[in-house]
Amino acid sequence: FSYRPEYYHFEGKEDDPRTSFYEMGLQNSRGFRALKVWLSIRQVGRSGYQRMISEDIGLSRLMHEEVARHPDLEAVTQGLSITTFRYVPAELRDRCNESGVAGYLNELNTALLGHLQVGGEVFVSNAGVAGKYVLRACIVNWRTTEQHVRAVPEIVARVGSQLHAHMRKQILLTP
């Protein structure tokens, strides 16, 4: 598989020659990433992939429904296996669009994401949707169950409530 264009300069000393790993594989220096996909398809087949993807989408829809039912959470979007939402204390629900409150909610959810990731109970990432800093749950792990999904809103609300109790002292919010 040897190919030595001008920009490949991997010469070593005669008594200590360099090993040119790029010469030892079909894709030059790239790993054979397609093997994982091929093996997975051989194991579960097309119908298996369809089933797993459908289950992930169903769990994402369930998460969106559970979040929408929670009084301190705002469901924002749901598409494919992704649900976005944010923590909005009930006392601020009617004031979300006020500029000071909107900024505070973005700060609160930013801090909330950090605490959730460090806490280890759930893992969500973030997204920005229409100027809102939101939490993003992307369900793609085949081991995720309805029980996991149903637990997320309470965990997020509990940690969000603790942060809000601390952070609200730092700003001027009147309930």
Protein backbone atom coordinates (compact mmCIF):
# COMPACT_ATOMS: atom_id res chain seq x y z
CA PHE A 1 0.00 0.00 0.00
CA SER A 2 2.99 2.25 -0.24
CA TYR A 3 2.59 5.65 -1.83
CA ARG A 4 5.10 8.41 -1.24
CA PRO A 5 4.06 11.81 -2.58
CA GLU A 6 6.29 14.82 -1.93
CA TYR A 7 4.34 15.92 1.15
CA TYR A 8 4.95 12.61 2.99
CA HIS A 9 8.30 12.95 4.74
CA PHE A 10 8.61 10.03 7.09
CA GLU A 11 12.22 9.09 6.65
CA GLY A 12 14.15 7.74 9.59
CA LYS A 13 17.73 6.87 10.24
CA GLU A 14 19.21 3.77 8.70
CA ASP A 15 19.67 2.12 12.11
CA ASP A 16 16.23 3.33 13.31
CA PRO A 17 13.79 3.38 10.39
CA ARG A 18 10.36 4.88 10.97
CA THR A 19 7.27 2.76 10.74
CA SER A 20 4.92 4.32 8.22
CA PHE A 21 1.53 3.19 9.45
CA TYR A 22 -0.20 4.86 6.54
CA GLU A 23 1.32 2.14 4.34
CA MET A 24 -0.30 -0.66 6.33
CA GLY A 25 -3.98 -0.15 5.58
CA LEU A 26 -6.36 0.03 2.66
CA GLN A 27 -7.47 3.55 3.50
CA ASN A 28 -3.97 4.95 3.87
CA SER A 29 -3.97 6.58 7.33
CA ARG A 30 -7.72 6.23 8.00
CA GLY A 31 -9.25 3.55 10.15
CA PHE A 32 -11.73 1.10 8.66
CA ARG A 33 -14.79 2.83 10.12
CA ALA A 34 -17.24 1.19 7.75
CA LEU A 35 -16.53 -2.18 9.38
CA LYS A 36 -18.56 -1.21 12.47
CA VAL A 37 -21.53 -0.20 10.36
CA TRP A 38 -21.30 -3.31 8.20
CA LEU A 39 -21.07 -5.61 11.23
CA SER A 40 -24.05 -3.91 12.88
CA ILE A 41 -26.16 -4.30 9.78
CA ARG A 42 -25.14 -7.94 9.50
CA GLN A 43 -26.11 -8.50 13.15
CA VAL A 44 -29.48 -6.75 13.37
CA GLY A 45 -30.41 -6.23 9.72
CA ARG A 46 -32.41 -3.42 8.21
CA SER A 47 -35.53 -4.27 10.18
CA GLY A 48 -33.51 -4.26 13.42
CA TYR A 49 -32.22 -0.77 12.68
CA GLN A 50 -35.72 0.42 11.81
CA ARG A 51 -37.02 -0.97 15.10
CA MET A 52 -34.24 0.64 17.17
CA ILE A 53 -34.63 4.02 15.48
CA SER A 54 -38.42 3.87 15.91
CA GLU A 55 -37.99 3.08 19.60
CA ASP A 56 -35.64 6.05 20.05
CA ILE A 57 -38.12 8.36 18.34
CA GLY A 58 -40.93 7.01 20.53
CA LEU A 59 -38.87 7.61 23.68
CA SER A 60 -38.12 11.15 22.53
CA ARG A 61 -41.84 11.81 22.03
CA LEU A 62 -42.52 10.39 25.48
CA MET A 63 -39.89 12.70 26.97
CA HIS A 64 -41.50 15.68 25.25
CA GLU A 65 -44.90 14.70 26.70
CA GLU A 66 -43.48 14.17 30.20
CA VAL A 67 -41.64 17.51 30.11
CA ALA A 68 -44.76 19.30 28.84
CA ARG A 69 -46.75 17.96 31.81
CA HIS A 70 -44.24 19.20 34.39
CA PRO A 71 -45.14 22.60 35.90
CA ASP A 72 -41.51 23.79 36.07
CA LEU A 73 -40.41 22.69 32.61
CA GLU A 74 -41.12 24.09 29.19
CA ALA A 75 -41.12 21.67 26.25
CA VAL A 76 -39.63 23.49 23.26
CA THR A 77 -39.13 21.10 20.32
CA GLN A 78 -39.31 17.44 19.44
CA GLY A 79 -38.00 15.92 16.22
CA LEU A 80 -36.70 12.44 15.46
CA SER A 81 -34.86 11.31 18.60
CA ILE A 82 -34.26 14.82 19.99
CA THR A 83 -36.33 16.72 22.53
CA THR A 84 -35.42 20.21 23.71
CA PHE A 85 -36.76 21.83 26.85
CA ARG A 86 -35.78 24.19 29.62
CA TYR A 87 -36.34 24.76 33.30
CA VAL A 88 -38.76 27.63 33.95
CA PRO A 89 -39.79 28.07 37.59
CA ALA A 90 -43.59 28.25 37.90
CA GLU A 91 -43.29 31.74 39.41
CA LEU A 92 -41.70 32.98 36.17
CA ARG A 93 -43.90 31.10 33.71
CA ASP A 94 -45.95 34.19 32.82
CA ARG A 95 -42.87 36.45 32.59
CA CYS A 96 -40.68 34.43 30.19
CA ASN A 97 -40.72 37.08 27.48
CA GLU A 98 -39.59 39.97 29.68
CA SER A 99 -36.02 40.80 28.72
CA GLY A 100 -34.56 40.51 32.23
CA VAL A 101 -36.39 37.25 32.90
CA ALA A 102 -35.50 35.80 29.49
CA GLY A 103 -31.81 36.50 30.12
CA TYR A 104 -32.03 35.05 33.61
CA LEU A 105 -33.66 31.85 32.31
CA ASN A 106 -30.82 31.44 29.81
CA GLU A 107 -28.27 31.86 32.61
CA LEU A 108 -30.19 29.52 34.88
CA ASN A 109 -30.40 26.80 32.24
CA THR A 110 -26.73 27.23 31.37
CA ALA A 111 -25.83 26.63 35.02
CA LEU A 112 -28.34 23.79 35.19
CA LEU A 113 -26.69 22.00 32.28
CA GLY A 114 -23.31 22.15 34.01
CA HIS A 115 -24.72 20.76 37.26
CA LEU A 116 -26.59 17.97 35.46
CA GLN A 117 -23.51 16.89 33.55
CA VAL A 118 -21.31 16.90 36.66
CA GLY A 119 -24.03 15.25 38.77
CA GLY A 120 -24.13 12.20 36.53
CA GLU A 121 -27.82 11.34 36.99
CA VAL A 122 -28.72 12.35 33.44
CA PHE A 123 -26.80 13.53 30.44
CA VAL A 124 -28.20 16.24 28.25
CA SER A 125 -26.47 18.75 26.04
CA ASN A 126 -27.62 22.20 24.98
CA ALA A 127 -29.04 24.02 22.01
CA GLY A 128 -30.27 27.48 21.15
CA VAL A 129 -33.84 27.72 19.90
CA ALA A 130 -35.38 31.11 19.09
CA GLY A 131 -33.07 32.90 21.52
CA LYS A 132 -33.67 30.40 24.31
CA TYR A 133 -30.88 28.37 25.87
CA VAL A 134 -32.43 24.92 26.09
CA LEU A 135 -31.47 21.48 27.29
CA ARG A 136 -31.21 18.91 24.51
CA ALA A 137 -31.91 15.22 25.04
CA CYS A 138 -30.85 13.05 22.12
CA ILE A 139 -31.92 9.46 22.64
CA VAL A 140 -29.73 7.05 20.67
CA ASN A 141 -28.58 4.53 23.27
CA TRP A 142 -30.28 1.17 22.79
CA ARG A 143 -30.33 0.70 26.56
CA THR A 144 -32.49 3.78 27.24
CA THR A 145 -35.88 2.79 28.63
CA GLU A 146 -39.19 4.49 29.40
CA GLN A 147 -38.17 4.44 33.07
CA HIS A 148 -35.08 6.53 32.26
CA VAL A 149 -37.10 8.97 30.18
CA ARG A 150 -39.77 9.39 32.86
CA ALA A 151 -37.07 10.11 35.48
CA VAL A 152 -35.49 13.02 33.60
CA PRO A 153 -38.12 15.73 34.26
CA GLU A 154 -38.03 15.26 38.05
CA ILE A 155 -34.23 15.25 38.15
CA VAL A 156 -34.01 18.39 36.01
CA ALA A 157 -36.70 20.15 38.07
CA ARG A 158 -35.05 19.21 41.37
CA VAL A 159 -31.61 20.46 40.35
CA GLY A 160 -33.15 23.49 38.63
CA SER A 161 -35.09 24.39 41.76
CA GLN A 162 -31.94 24.23 43.90
CA LEU A 163 -30.05 26.44 41.45
CA HIS A 164 -32.92 28.91 41.16
CA ALA A 165 -33.11 29.24 44.96
CA HIS A 166 -29.42 30.17 44.95
CA MET A 167 -29.28 32.27 41.78
CA ARG A 168 -32.43 34.32 42.30
CA LYS A 169 -30.71 36.00 45.26
CA GLN A 170 -28.19 37.44 42.82
CA ILE A 171 -30.74 39.18 40.62
CA LEU A 172 -33.73 41.40 41.17
CA LEU A 173 -36.73 39.21 40.49
CA THR A 174 -40.04 39.87 42.11
CA PRO A 175 -42.43 36.96 42.09
